[in-house]
Protein backbone atom coordinates (compact mmCIF):
# COMPACT_ATOMS: atom_id res chain seq x y z
CA ALA A 1 -0.26 0.16 0.15
CA LYS A 2 3.08 2.15 0.82
CA SER A 3 4.55 1.91 -2.56
CA HIS A 4 1.24 2.57 -3.97
CA SER A 5 0.59 5.60 -2.45
CA LEU A 6 4.06 7.05 -3.31
CA THR A 7 3.43 6.23 -7.17
CA TYR A 8 -0.11 8.07 -6.66
CA CYS A 9 1.39 10.61 -4.82
CA SER A 10 4.02 10.95 -8.31
CA ASN A 11 1.69 11.17 -10.77
CA CYS A 12 -0.59 14.16 -8.63
CA ASN A 13 2.57 15.90 -8.65
CA LYS A 14 3.58 15.27 -12.48
CA LEU A 15 -0.01 16.60 -12.73
CA PHE A 16 0.30 19.23 -10.35
CA LEU A 17 3.06 20.81 -12.44
CA LEU A 18 1.54 20.59 -15.15
CA THR A 19 -1.34 22.22 -14.88
CA GLY A 20 0.75 24.78 -13.00
CA SER A 21 2.80 25.17 -16.80
CA ILE A 22 -0.52 25.34 -18.67
CA ILE A 23 -1.70 27.97 -16.18
CA THR A 24 1.55 30.01 -16.02
CA PHE A 25 1.85 30.24 -19.90
CA LEU A 26 -2.01 30.34 -20.82
CA PRO A 27 -2.25 33.98 -20.66
CA LYS A 28 1.05 34.25 -22.78
CA TRP A 29 -0.94 32.17 -25.48
CA GLY A 30 -3.72 34.60 -25.38
CA SER A 31 -2.04 38.09 -25.12
CA GLN A 32 -0.30 36.65 -28.29
């Protein structure tokens, strides 16, 4: 269960970073 939890956390972190990147760059794309 612990290893599964760590994998889930890692996936969540990747998704969070991806979402953060989209939110960061989206205004730049919209202003172009």
